[in-house]
């Protein structure tokens, strides 16, 4: 997983944002990562990964190797959601997005809801 890949696909929180939050804010518990743009508060898929990332950074100063690719991560999240593991909020990366990035989303903006006209 690359630094600019999304860890929290519900709120579009990248690995870079989480690592910077860990470095700057120095949270005392993994649950405090929810203060990083809401990471982990949507469908719940990323909580295990966020917890592991927190523990690796606290114990070793950096994340370990062997992470899934963005495509693998998004596919696993899709399976999790389809199995009833959680419900992504409106605006989340679609569960069928193969890369973990919503192709209809532009930086800093959310697409209009399907029943409303665009700009």
Protein backbone atom coordinates (compact mmCIF):
# COMPACT_ATOMS: atom_id res chain seq x y z
CA UNK A 1 0.00 0.00 0.00
CA UNK A 2 1.37 3.38 -1.02
CA UNK A 3 1.29 6.54 1.12
CA UNK A 4 -1.46 8.15 -0.96
CA UNK A 5 -3.70 5.06 -0.98
CA UNK A 6 -6.83 5.31 1.14
CA UNK A 7 -6.90 3.36 4.41
CA UNK A 8 -10.37 4.54 5.37
CA UNK A 9 -12.40 4.14 2.21
CA UNK A 10 -15.48 5.64 3.87
CA UNK A 11 -13.91 9.02 4.64
CA UNK A 12 -11.06 8.95 2.09
CA UNK A 13 -8.29 9.02 4.72
CA UNK A 14 -4.92 8.10 3.21
CA UNK A 15 -2.07 6.21 4.78
CA UNK A 16 -0.02 9.43 4.62
CA UNK A 17 -2.64 11.32 6.67
CA UNK A 18 -2.70 8.59 9.33
CA UNK A 19 1.10 8.36 9.56
CA UNK A 20 1.38 12.16 9.84
CA UNK A 21 -1.33 12.15 12.51
CA UNK A 22 0.58 9.49 14.45
CA UNK A 23 3.83 11.46 14.14
CA UNK A 24 2.41 14.87 15.05
CA UNK A 25 -0.40 14.10 17.52
CA UNK A 26 1.14 11.03 19.19
CA UNK A 27 -2.18 9.45 20.22
CA UNK A 28 -2.14 7.30 23.36
CA UNK A 29 -4.57 4.71 21.98
CA UNK A 30 -5.40 3.37 18.53
CA UNK A 31 -9.01 4.47 19.00
CA UNK A 32 -7.83 8.10 18.91
CA UNK A 33 -7.10 7.66 15.20
CA UNK A 34 -10.80 8.38 14.69
CA UNK A 35 -9.81 12.03 15.27
CA UNK A 36 -7.84 11.80 12.01
CA UNK A 37 -10.61 12.84 9.60
CA UNK A 38 -13.00 10.22 11.03
CA UNK A 39 -10.84 7.22 10.13
CA UNK A 40 -12.45 4.00 11.32
CA UNK A 41 -15.86 5.48 12.08
CA UNK A 42 -17.67 4.38 8.90
CA UNK A 43 -18.19 0.74 7.95
CA UNK A 44 -15.47 -0.44 10.34
CA UNK A 45 -13.36 -2.32 7.79
CA UNK A 46 -10.21 -0.29 8.41
CA UNK A 47 -10.22 -0.52 12.22
CA UNK A 48 -8.08 -3.65 12.36
CA UNK A 49 -5.58 -2.17 9.93
CA UNK A 50 -5.51 1.16 11.81
CA UNK A 51 -4.92 -0.66 15.10
CA UNK A 52 -2.06 -2.67 13.58
CA UNK A 53 -0.52 0.44 12.01
CA UNK A 54 -0.75 2.27 15.35
CA UNK A 55 0.98 -0.60 17.18
CA UNK A 56 3.75 -0.88 14.57
CA UNK A 57 4.49 2.85 14.63
CA UNK A 58 4.41 3.04 18.45
CA UNK A 59 6.62 -0.04 18.89
CA UNK A 60 8.98 0.24 15.91
CA UNK A 61 8.71 3.83 14.72
CA UNK A 62 7.40 2.83 11.29
CA UNK A 63 4.92 0.48 9.63
CA UNK A 64 6.07 -2.99 8.64
CA UNK A 65 6.29 -4.40 5.14
CA UNK A 66 3.88 -6.92 3.68
CA UNK A 67 0.81 -4.73 3.32
CA UNK A 68 -1.86 -5.49 0.74
CA UNK A 69 -2.02 -3.45 -2.44
CA UNK A 70 -4.75 -0.82 -2.71
CA UNK A 71 -6.63 -3.15 -5.05
CA UNK A 72 -6.44 -6.10 -2.63
CA UNK A 73 -7.45 -3.89 0.28
CA UNK A 74 -10.48 -2.50 -1.59
CA UNK A 75 -11.53 -6.00 -2.70
CA UNK A 76 -11.32 -7.29 0.88
CA UNK A 77 -13.39 -4.35 2.08
CA UNK A 78 -16.00 -5.07 -0.60
CA UNK A 79 -16.27 -8.67 0.63
CA UNK A 80 -16.56 -7.43 4.23
CA UNK A 81 -19.40 -5.03 3.37
CA UNK A 82 -21.24 -7.55 1.19
CA UNK A 83 -21.06 -10.08 4.04
CA UNK A 84 -22.86 -7.59 6.30
CA UNK A 85 -19.77 -6.42 8.14
CA UNK A 86 -20.66 -2.74 7.97
CA UNK A 87 -22.46 -0.06 6.00
CA UNK A 88 -20.41 2.65 4.29
CA UNK A 89 -21.79 6.18 4.71
CA UNK A 90 -22.90 8.35 1.78
CA UNK A 91 -19.87 9.63 -0.14
CA UNK A 92 -17.74 6.58 0.68
CA UNK A 93 -15.67 4.88 -2.00
CA UNK A 94 -18.04 2.42 -3.71
CA UNK A 95 -17.60 -1.20 -2.70
CA UNK A 96 -17.05 -2.21 -6.31
CA UNK A 97 -14.16 0.22 -6.86
CA UNK A 98 -11.17 -2.02 -7.67
CA UNK A 99 -8.47 0.46 -6.67
CA UNK A 100 -9.82 1.94 -3.47
CA UNK A 101 -10.27 5.27 -5.24
CA UNK A 102 -13.63 6.52 -6.43
CA UNK A 103 -13.12 7.42 -10.11
CA UNK A 104 -16.02 9.91 -9.96
CA UNK A 105 -14.49 11.80 -7.03
CA UNK A 106 -12.25 14.79 -7.63
CA UNK A 107 -9.86 16.07 -5.01
CA UNK A 108 -11.64 18.10 -2.36
CA UNK A 109 -15.17 17.55 -3.62
CA UNK A 110 -17.92 15.01 -3.32
CA UNK A 111 -19.98 14.01 -6.34
CA UNK A 112 -23.65 15.03 -6.25
CA UNK A 113 -26.12 12.40 -5.05
CA UNK A 114 -27.46 10.29 -7.94
CA UNK A 115 -30.90 11.90 -7.84
CA UNK A 116 -29.62 15.49 -7.99
CA UNK A 117 -28.19 17.26 -11.04
CA UNK A 118 -24.50 18.09 -11.05
CA UNK A 119 -23.00 21.58 -11.29
